[in-house]
Amino acid sequence: MLSPKEIQQGYWIAHGWPTPFLKPINEIEEYTGQEMLAIAFARVDDTPSIRKKRLKKWCQALPGLQIKMLKLHASHQDLLEAAAQIKGLEALRTGWGRLQTIEPVAHCETLKSLVIDSCPSLKGLSSLPRLRKLIMLSIDNVREAQDLSFVGSMTSLNELSICGTLWTIQKVNDLWPLAKLGDLQVIKLYSTRVLQDGLIPLHRLKKLVRFECSLYYSTEELIALRQALPSLKYGTVIDYIRSTPE
C-alpha cells in the first residue's frame, strides 16, 4: 500500500526524484553513476548522423547501468527496449515520441512505477499485467486505453492515472475494470471522458483515499462517490463539494 507521503506527493517525488526537474543529460559520457537519471538523447542542432550515433551509444550502455529511476525526455522504440533491460529498474517514464509498443517494458520484473507519456498510437497495453510488482501506472493520451479491460487483472496497483492532455480528450469506455482493484488508493482522470456508467464503478473501491478529475461530472455524481467511500480524504471529489454552495 502507498505511504501517506506517496499519496500526497506522488511516487516519484516521494522516492527522491529532484523537483521541479532533474536536468537531463545528452551524452553517455556525462553519466557518473547516479541511480536517478533523465536522458535527452536528441538536440535541436543535431544532424541525423550525430543523433543516430548518440542514440546507439545510449542503447548499448543502458542495459548495464545501475539505475533505479529513469526519465526519457524524448522516446524512441530502441531506447525504450534498452531501458527495459536495466536490472533493478524501479521507475520508468517513457517520454514523448512515436513508440510502437510498450510490450518490452513488461519484461522489467522489478518495475514499481510506469508513466507512459502522450503517444496516441501506442500498442501493447495488454502486456502490462505481467508487471507483478507495479504499484503506480500512469497513461496519457493513448487511444488503446479506451478499453481498460487489461487493468482488471493488475491487482498490485495502488495508484492509477488515465488522462488526456491539454489538447486531447482521453476517451474511456467505462471504469468497471477498476472496480476489481481493491487496493487502489489514488485515481486521476484529467481530460478523460467516461462513456458509460460514469463514476459508479468506483463506489466499490473502499480503500480509495485520493480522487482527482476534470469537472466533467455532476455535483450529484461527486457527492454520491463521497458518500459511498468514507475513506476519501483528498482530491476533486472533496475540494469541489466543499466549494459548492448548498
C-alpha atoms as a PDB file:
ATOM      1  CA  MET A   1       0.000   0.000   0.000  1.00  0.00           C
ATOM      2  CA  LEU A   2       1.074   3.598  -0.586  1.00  0.00           C
ATOM      3  CA  SER A   3       2.551   5.552   2.283  1.00  0.00           C
ATOM      4  CA  PRO A   4       0.978   8.904   3.274  1.00  0.00           C
ATOM      5  CA  LYS A   5       3.945  10.613   1.607  1.00  0.00           C
ATOM      6  CA  GLU A   6       3.396   8.707  -1.660  1.00  0.00           C
ATOM      7  CA  ILE A   7      -0.302   9.607  -1.597  1.00  0.00           C
ATOM      8  CA  GLN A   8       0.395  13.294  -1.030  1.00  0.00           C
ATOM      9  CA  GLN A   9       3.472  13.833  -3.224  1.00  0.00           C
ATOM     10  CA  GLY A  10       3.264  11.070  -5.826  1.00  0.00           C
ATOM     11  CA  TYR A  11       5.543   8.068  -6.199  1.00  0.00           C
ATOM     12  CA  TRP A  12       8.449   9.802  -7.932  1.00  0.00           C
ATOM     13  CA  ILE A  13       8.882  12.743  -5.581  1.00  0.00           C
ATOM     14  CA  ALA A  14       8.282  10.591  -2.511  1.00  0.00           C
ATOM     15  CA  HIS A  15      11.176   8.387  -3.599  1.00  0.00           C
ATOM     16  CA  GLY A  16      13.603  11.252  -4.002  1.00  0.00           C
ATOM     17  CA  TRP A  17      13.155  12.454  -7.572  1.00  0.00           C
ATOM     18  CA  PRO A  18      14.505  16.038  -7.680  1.00  0.00           C
ATOM     19  CA  THR A  19      11.962  18.785  -8.064  1.00  0.00           C
ATOM     20  CA  PRO A  20      10.857  20.506 -10.118  1.00  0.00           C
ATOM     21  CA  PHE A  21      13.053  18.894 -12.777  1.00  0.00           C
ATOM     22  CA  LEU A  22      16.218  16.875 -12.941  1.00  0.00           C
ATOM     23  CA  LYS A  23      18.357  18.321 -15.702  1.00  0.00           C
ATOM     24  CA  PRO A  24      18.662  15.696 -18.442  1.00  0.00           C
ATOM     25  CA  ILE A  25      21.994  14.673 -19.865  1.00  0.00           C
ATOM     26  CA  ASN A  26      22.687  14.237 -23.560  1.00  0.00           C
ATOM     27  CA  GLU A  27      25.843  12.165 -23.790  1.00  0.00           C
ATOM     28  CA  ILE A  28      26.580   8.813 -22.195  1.00  0.00           C
ATOM     29  CA  GLU A  29      29.937  10.252 -21.155  1.00  0.00           C
ATOM     30  CA  GLU A  30      28.066  12.610 -18.780  1.00  0.00           C
ATOM     31  CA  TYR A  31      26.726   9.710 -16.737  1.00  0.00           C
ATOM     32  CA  THR A  32      28.531   9.471 -13.386  1.00  0.00           C
ATOM     33  CA  GLY A  33      26.813   6.519 -11.737  1.00  0.00           C
ATOM     34  CA  GLN A  34      23.692   8.218 -10.375  1.00  0.00           C
ATOM     35  CA  GLU A  35      20.666   5.999  -9.666  1.00  0.00           C
ATOM     36  CA  MET A  36      18.217   8.688 -10.859  1.00  0.00           C
ATOM     37  CA  LEU A  37      18.719   9.705 -14.450  1.00  0.00           C
ATOM     38  CA  ALA A  38      16.993  11.837 -17.083  1.00  0.00           C
ATOM     39  CA  ILE A  39      18.088  11.408 -20.693  1.00  0.00           C
ATOM     40  CA  ALA A  40      17.573  13.744 -23.642  1.00  0.00           C
ATOM     41  CA  PHE A  41      19.348  11.941 -26.471  1.00  0.00           C
ATOM     42  CA  ALA A  42      18.249  14.462 -29.125  1.00  0.00           C
ATOM     43  CA  ARG A  43      19.401  18.050 -29.567  1.00  0.00           C
ATOM     44  CA  VAL A  44      17.776  20.639 -31.802  1.00  0.00           C
ATOM     45  CA  ASP A  45      21.044  21.305 -33.628  1.00  0.00           C
ATOM     46  CA  ASP A  46      21.823  17.630 -34.310  1.00  0.00           C
ATOM     47  CA  THR A  47      22.470  16.287 -37.744  1.00  0.00           C
ATOM     48  CA  PRO A  48      20.674  12.984 -38.376  1.00  0.00           C
ATOM     49  CA  SER A  49      24.024  11.186 -38.290  1.00  0.00           C
ATOM     50  CA  ILE A  50      25.074  12.605 -34.919  1.00  0.00           C
ATOM     51  CA  ARG A  51      21.686  11.862 -33.357  1.00  0.00           C
ATOM     52  CA  LYS A  52      21.748   8.305 -34.649  1.00  0.00           C
ATOM     53  CA  LYS A  53      25.216   7.703 -33.201  1.00  0.00           C
ATOM     54  CA  ARG A  54      24.241   9.162 -29.818  1.00  0.00           C
ATOM     55  CA  LEU A  55      21.106   7.034 -29.701  1.00  0.00           C
ATOM     56  CA  LYS A  56      23.127   3.923 -30.500  1.00  0.00           C
ATOM     57  CA  LYS A  57      25.546   4.665 -27.646  1.00  0.00           C
ATOM     58  CA  TRP A  58      22.715   5.010 -25.159  1.00  0.00           C
ATOM     59  CA  CYS A  59      21.044   1.818 -26.348  1.00  0.00           C
ATOM     60  CA  GLN A  60      24.283  -0.097 -25.942  1.00  0.00           C
ATOM     61  CA  ALA A  61      25.016   1.325 -22.492  1.00  0.00           C
ATOM     62  CA  LEU A  62      21.642   1.403 -20.737  1.00  0.00           C
ATOM     63  CA  PRO A  63      21.214  -2.337 -20.008  1.00  0.00           C
ATOM     64  CA  GLY A  64      24.434  -2.327 -17.985  1.00  0.00           C
ATOM     65  CA  LEU A  65      23.791   0.791 -15.890  1.00  0.00           C
ATOM     66  CA  GLN A  66      22.746   0.710 -12.238  1.00  0.00           C
ATOM     67  CA  ILE A  67      19.654   2.938 -12.412  1.00  0.00           C
ATOM     68  CA  LYS A  68      16.543   2.822 -10.235  1.00  0.00           C
ATOM     69  CA  MET A  69      14.571   5.735 -11.716  1.00  0.00           C
ATOM     70  CA  LEU A  70      14.773   6.733 -15.377  1.00  0.00           C
ATOM     71  CA  LYS A  71      13.040   9.510 -17.286  1.00  0.00           C
ATOM     72  CA  LEU A  72      13.293   9.735 -21.067  1.00  0.00           C
ATOM     73  CA  HIS A  73      12.588  13.274 -22.296  1.00  0.00           C
ATOM     74  CA  ALA A  74      12.104  12.072 -25.862  1.00  0.00           C
ATOM     75  CA  SER A  75      11.417   8.460 -26.517  1.00  0.00           C
ATOM     76  CA  HIS A  76      12.438   6.052 -29.214  1.00  0.00           C
ATOM     77  CA  GLN A  77      11.475   2.401 -29.525  1.00  0.00           C
ATOM     78  CA  ASP A  78      15.096   1.211 -29.413  1.00  0.00           C
ATOM     79  CA  LEU A  79      15.801   3.361 -26.364  1.00  0.00           C
ATOM     80  CA  LEU A  80      12.739   2.031 -24.554  1.00  0.00           C
ATOM     81  CA  GLU A  81      13.763  -1.557 -25.269  1.00  0.00           C
ATOM     82  CA  ALA A  82      17.244  -0.867 -23.902  1.00  0.00           C
ATOM     83  CA  ALA A  83      15.812   0.756 -20.769  1.00  0.00           C
ATOM     84  CA  ALA A  84      13.585  -2.251 -20.136  1.00  0.00           C
ATOM     85  CA  GLN A  85      16.719  -4.405 -19.808  1.00  0.00           C
ATOM     86  CA  ILE A  86      18.130  -2.445 -16.851  1.00  0.00           C
ATOM     87  CA  LYS A  87      18.429  -4.805 -13.888  1.00  0.00           C
ATOM     88  CA  GLY A  88      16.735  -3.416 -10.775  1.00  0.00           C
ATOM     89  CA  LEU A  89      14.900  -0.568 -12.528  1.00  0.00           C
ATOM     90  CA  GLU A  90      12.020   0.564 -10.310  1.00  0.00           C
ATOM     91  CA  ALA A  91      10.536   3.598 -12.073  1.00  0.00           C
ATOM     92  CA  LEU A  92      10.359   4.499 -15.778  1.00  0.00           C
ATOM     93  CA  ARG A  93       8.875   7.412 -17.694  1.00  0.00           C
ATOM     94  CA  THR A  94       8.721   6.866 -21.441  1.00  0.00           C
ATOM     95  CA  GLY A  95       8.872  10.459 -22.706  1.00  0.00           C
ATOM     96  CA  TRP A  96       7.028  11.814 -25.720  1.00  0.00           C
ATOM     97  CA  GLY A  97       7.663  10.123 -29.003  1.00  0.00           C
ATOM     98  CA  ARG A  98       6.417   7.750 -31.662  1.00  0.00           C
ATOM     99  CA  LEU A  99       6.657   4.487 -29.793  1.00  0.00           C
ATOM    100  CA  GLN A 100       5.184   1.446 -31.465  1.00  0.00           C
ATOM    101  CA  THR A 101       4.632  -0.807 -28.445  1.00  0.00           C
ATOM    102  CA  ILE A 102       5.079  -0.790 -24.686  1.00  0.00           C
ATOM    103  CA  GLU A 103       5.408  -4.588 -24.596  1.00  0.00           C
ATOM    104  CA  PRO A 104       9.204  -4.692 -23.955  1.00  0.00           C
ATOM    105  CA  VAL A 105       8.613  -2.998 -20.603  1.00  0.00           C
ATOM    106  CA  ALA A 106       6.528  -5.971 -19.465  1.00  0.00           C
ATOM    107  CA  HIS A 107       9.791  -7.915 -19.086  1.00  0.00           C
ATOM    108  CA  CYS A 108      11.093  -5.459 -16.455  1.00  0.00           C
ATOM    109  CA  GLU A 109      10.165  -7.555 -13.417  1.00  0.00           C
ATOM    110  CA  THR A 110      11.361  -5.041 -10.798  1.00  0.00           C
ATOM    111  CA  LEU A 111       9.305  -2.094 -12.092  1.00  0.00           C
ATOM    112  CA  LYS A 112       7.100  -0.409  -9.482  1.00  0.00           C
ATOM    113  CA  SER A 113       6.134   2.792 -11.316  1.00  0.00           C
ATOM    114  CA  LEU A 114       5.443   3.319 -15.031  1.00  0.00           C
ATOM    115  CA  VAL A 115       4.493   6.623 -16.658  1.00  0.00           C
ATOM    116  CA  ILE A 116       3.502   6.443 -20.329  1.00  0.00           C
ATOM    117  CA  ASP A 117       3.568   9.911 -21.855  1.00  0.00           C
ATOM    118  CA  SER A 118       1.358  11.013 -24.721  1.00  0.00           C
ATOM    119  CA  CYS A 119       1.639   8.535 -27.588  1.00  0.00           C
ATOM    120  CA  PRO A 120      -1.769   8.103 -29.256  1.00  0.00           C
ATOM    121  CA  SER A 121      -0.853   5.152 -31.492  1.00  0.00           C
ATOM    122  CA  LEU A 122       0.983   3.116 -28.843  1.00  0.00           C
ATOM    123  CA  LYS A 123       0.097  -0.589 -28.671  1.00  0.00           C
ATOM    124  CA  GLY A 124       0.743  -3.385 -26.199  1.00  0.00           C
ATOM    125  CA  LEU A 125      -1.105  -2.242 -23.076  1.00  0.00           C
ATOM    126  CA  SER A 126      -2.449  -5.770 -22.688  1.00  0.00           C
ATOM    127  CA  SER A 127       1.089  -6.899 -21.769  1.00  0.00           C
ATOM    128  CA  LEU A 128       1.263  -4.714 -18.644  1.00  0.00           C
ATOM    129  CA  PRO A 129      -0.440  -7.205 -16.261  1.00  0.00           C
ATOM    130  CA  ARG A 130       2.839  -9.150 -16.386  1.00  0.00           C
ATOM    131  CA  LEU A 131       4.347  -6.408 -14.193  1.00  0.00           C
ATOM    132  CA  ARG A 132       3.504  -8.090 -10.890  1.00  0.00           C
ATOM    133  CA  LYS A 133       5.303  -5.520  -8.714  1.00  0.00           C
ATOM    134  CA  LEU A 134       3.795  -2.444 -10.377  1.00  0.00           C
ATOM    135  CA  ILE A 135       2.018  -0.226  -7.848  1.00  0.00           C
ATOM    136  CA  MET A 136       1.724   3.004  -9.883  1.00  0.00           C
ATOM    137  CA  LEU A 137       0.614   3.286 -13.527  1.00  0.00           C
ATOM    138  CA  SER A 138       0.008   6.497 -15.457  1.00  0.00           C
ATOM    139  CA  ILE A 139      -1.154   6.581 -19.082  1.00  0.00           C
ATOM    140  CA  ASP A 140      -1.623   9.824 -21.005  1.00  0.00           C
ATOM    141  CA  ASN A 141      -3.341  10.099 -24.384  1.00  0.00           C
ATOM    142  CA  VAL A 142      -3.137   6.529 -25.690  1.00  0.00           C
ATOM    143  CA  ARG A 143      -6.081   5.510 -27.881  1.00  0.00           C
ATOM    144  CA  GLU A 144      -5.762   1.850 -26.896  1.00  0.00           C
ATOM    145  CA  ALA A 145      -6.529   2.871 -23.289  1.00  0.00           C
ATOM    146  CA  GLN A 146     -10.154   3.493 -24.266  1.00  0.00           C
ATOM    147  CA  ASP A 147     -10.657  -0.164 -23.360  1.00  0.00           C
ATOM    148  CA  LEU A 148      -9.377  -0.614 -19.811  1.00  0.00           C
ATOM    149  CA  SER A 149     -10.093  -4.340 -19.592  1.00  0.00           C
ATOM    150  CA  PHE A 150      -6.339  -5.047 -19.326  1.00  0.00           C
ATOM    151  CA  VAL A 151      -6.264  -3.193 -15.989  1.00  0.00           C
ATOM    152  CA  GLY A 152      -8.704  -5.575 -14.341  1.00  0.00           C
ATOM    153  CA  SER A 153      -6.023  -8.147 -13.520  1.00  0.00           C
ATOM    154  CA  MET A 154      -3.415  -5.646 -12.289  1.00  0.00           C
ATOM    155  CA  THR A 155      -4.279  -6.214  -8.647  1.00  0.00           C
ATOM    156  CA  SER A 156      -0.941  -4.870  -7.355  1.00  0.00           C
ATOM    157  CA  LEU A 157      -1.875  -1.312  -8.367  1.00  0.00           C
ATOM    158  CA  ASN A 158      -2.318   1.292  -5.648  1.00  0.00           C
ATOM    159  CA  GLU A 159      -2.346   4.316  -7.975  1.00  0.00           C
ATOM    160  CA  LEU A 160      -3.775   4.658 -11.484  1.00  0.00           C
ATOM    161  CA  SER A 161      -3.931   7.668 -13.803  1.00  0.00           C
ATOM    162  CA  ILE A 162      -5.730   7.573 -17.152  1.00  0.00           C
ATOM    163  CA  CYS A 163      -5.543  11.075 -18.594  1.00  0.00           C
ATOM    164  CA  GLY A 164      -5.680  13.114 -21.756  1.00  0.00           C
ATOM    165  CA  THR A 165      -3.661  16.252 -22.447  1.00  0.00           C
ATOM    166  CA  LEU A 166      -4.347  19.970 -22.711  1.00  0.00           C
ATOM    167  CA  TRP A 167      -5.265  19.406 -26.352  1.00  0.00           C
ATOM    168  CA  THR A 168      -6.711  15.888 -26.379  1.00  0.00           C
ATOM    169  CA  ILE A 169      -9.531  14.167 -24.502  1.00  0.00           C
ATOM    170  CA  GLN A 170      -8.841  10.585 -23.456  1.00  0.00           C
ATOM    171  CA  LYS A 171     -11.979   8.518 -24.024  1.00  0.00           C
ATOM    172  CA  VAL A 172     -12.656   5.518 -21.772  1.00  0.00           C
ATOM    173  CA  ASN A 173     -15.481   3.060 -22.403  1.00  0.00           C
ATOM    174  CA  ASP A 174     -16.191   2.536 -18.710  1.00  0.00           C
ATOM    175  CA  LEU A 175     -14.455   2.209 -15.352  1.00  0.00           C
ATOM    176  CA  TRP A 176     -15.711  -1.263 -14.431  1.00  0.00           C
ATOM    177  CA  PRO A 177     -12.252  -2.901 -14.716  1.00  0.00           C
ATOM    178  CA  LEU A 178     -11.082  -0.587 -11.916  1.00  0.00           C
ATOM    179  CA  ALA A 179     -13.746  -1.991  -9.614  1.00  0.00           C
ATOM    180  CA  LYS A 180     -11.689  -5.201  -9.462  1.00  0.00           C
ATOM    181  CA  LEU A 181      -8.661  -3.387  -8.000  1.00  0.00           C
ATOM    182  CA  GLY A 182      -9.467  -3.461  -4.302  1.00  0.00           C
ATOM    183  CA  ASP A 183      -6.158  -1.891  -3.226  1.00  0.00           C
ATOM    184  CA  LEU A 184      -6.440   1.280  -5.313  1.00  0.00           C
ATOM    185  CA  GLN A 185      -5.786   4.333  -3.146  1.00  0.00           C
ATOM    186  CA  VAL A 186      -5.268   7.033  -5.790  1.00  0.00           C
ATOM    187  CA  ILE A 187      -7.078   7.589  -9.114  1.00  0.00           C
ATOM    188  CA  LYS A 188      -6.548  10.505 -11.526  1.00  0.00           C
ATOM    189  CA  LEU A 189      -8.792  11.164 -14.539  1.00  0.00           C
ATOM    190  CA  TYR A 190      -7.768  14.507 -16.035  1.00  0.00           C
ATOM    191  CA  SER A 191      -9.109  15.363 -19.519  1.00  0.00           C
ATOM    192  CA  THR A 192     -10.820  11.972 -19.532  1.00  0.00           C
ATOM    193  CA  ARG A 193     -14.377  11.266 -20.610  1.00  0.00           C
ATOM    194  CA  VAL A 194     -16.035   8.086 -19.370  1.00  0.00           C
ATOM    195  CA  LEU A 195     -18.569   6.997 -21.979  1.00  0.00           C
ATOM    196  CA  GLN A 196     -20.725   4.677 -19.845  1.00  0.00           C
ATOM    197  CA  ASP A 197     -21.791   4.484 -16.179  1.00  0.00           C
ATOM    198  CA  GLY A 198     -19.701   7.433 -15.010  1.00  0.00           C
ATOM    199  CA  LEU A 199     -18.094   7.063 -11.588  1.00  0.00           C
ATOM    200  CA  ILE A 200     -20.410   4.309 -10.321  1.00  0.00           C
ATOM    201  CA  PRO A 201     -17.775   1.510 -10.584  1.00  0.00           C
ATOM    202  CA  LEU A 202     -15.502   3.439  -8.217  1.00  0.00           C
ATOM    203  CA  HIS A 203     -18.038   3.058  -5.405  1.00  0.00           C
ATOM    204  CA  ARG A 204     -16.557  -0.404  -4.784  1.00  0.00           C
ATOM    205  CA  LEU A 205     -13.061   0.885  -4.029  1.00  0.00           C
ATOM    206  CA  LYS A 206     -13.224   1.044  -0.252  1.00  0.00           C
ATOM    207  CA  LYS A 207      -9.528   1.949   0.124  1.00  0.00           C
ATOM    208  CA  LEU A 208      -9.640   4.950  -2.226  1.00  0.00           C
ATOM    209  CA  VAL A 209      -8.091   7.954  -0.466  1.00  0.00           C
ATOM    210  CA  ARG A 210      -7.437  10.393  -3.324  1.00  0.00           C
ATOM    211  CA  PHE A 211      -9.518  11.021  -6.449  1.00  0.00           C
ATOM    212  CA  GLU A 212      -8.661  13.784  -8.924  1.00  0.00           C
ATOM    213  CA  CYS A 213     -10.535  14.526 -12.129  1.00  0.00           C
ATOM    214  CA  SER A 214     -11.592  17.208 -14.550  1.00  0.00           C
ATOM    215  CA  LEU A 215     -15.024  18.592 -13.749  1.00  0.00           C
ATOM    216  CA  TYR A 216     -16.853  16.572 -16.382  1.00  0.00           C
ATOM    217  CA  TYR A 217     -19.049  15.039 -13.698  1.00  0.00           C
ATOM    218  CA  SER A 218     -22.108  16.424 -11.972  1.00  0.00           C
ATOM    219  CA  THR A 219     -22.175  17.523  -8.368  1.00  0.00           C
ATOM    220  CA  GLU A 220     -24.567  14.647  -7.737  1.00  0.00           C
ATOM    221  CA  GLU A 221     -22.037  12.096  -9.041  1.00  0.00           C
ATOM    222  CA  LEU A 222     -19.279  13.523  -6.873  1.00  0.00           C
ATOM    223  CA  ILE A 223     -21.468  13.599  -3.790  1.00  0.00           C
ATOM    224  CA  ALA A 224     -22.566  10.010  -4.415  1.00  0.00           C
ATOM    225  CA  LEU A 225     -18.942   8.901  -4.681  1.00  0.00           C
ATOM    226  CA  ARG A 226     -18.065  10.718  -1.466  1.00  0.00           C
ATOM    227  CA  GLN A 227     -20.966   9.090   0.361  1.00  0.00           C
ATOM    228  CA  ALA A 228     -20.027   5.630  -0.913  1.00  0.00           C
ATOM    229  CA  LEU A 229     -16.384   5.999   0.142  1.00  0.00           C
ATOM    230  CA  PRO A 230     -15.814   7.382   3.646  1.00  0.00           C
ATOM    231  CA  SER A 231     -12.095   6.718   3.080  1.00  0.00           C
ATOM    232  CA  LEU A 232     -11.831   9.638   0.596  1.00  0.00           C
ATOM    233  CA  LYS A 233      -9.774  12.488   2.022  1.00  0.00           C
ATOM    234  CA  TYR A 234      -8.206  14.326  -0.911  1.00  0.00           C
ATOM    235  CA  GLY A 235      -8.913  15.441  -4.452  1.00  0.00           C
ATOM    236  CA  THR A 236     -11.607  16.897  -6.677  1.00  0.00           C
ATOM    237  CA  VAL A 237     -14.393  14.937  -5.028  1.00  0.00           C
ATOM    238  CA  ILE A 238     -13.584  16.664  -1.734  1.00  0.00           C
ATOM    239  CA  ASP A 239     -12.478  20.125  -2.818  1.00  0.00           C
ATOM    240  CA  TYR A 240     -15.265  20.641  -5.366  1.00  0.00           C
ATOM    241  CA  ILE A 241     -18.029  19.591  -2.983  1.00  0.00           C
ATOM    242  CA  ARG A 242     -16.665  21.850  -0.256  1.00  0.00           C
ATOM    243  CA  SER A 243     -16.639  24.841  -2.629  1.00  0.00           C
ATOM    244  CA  THR A 244     -20.167  24.218  -3.988  1.00  0.00           C
ATOM    245  CA  PRO A 245     -22.891  26.317  -2.326  1.00  0.00           C
ATOM    246  CA  GLU A 246     -25.609  24.281  -0.645  1.00  0.00           C
END
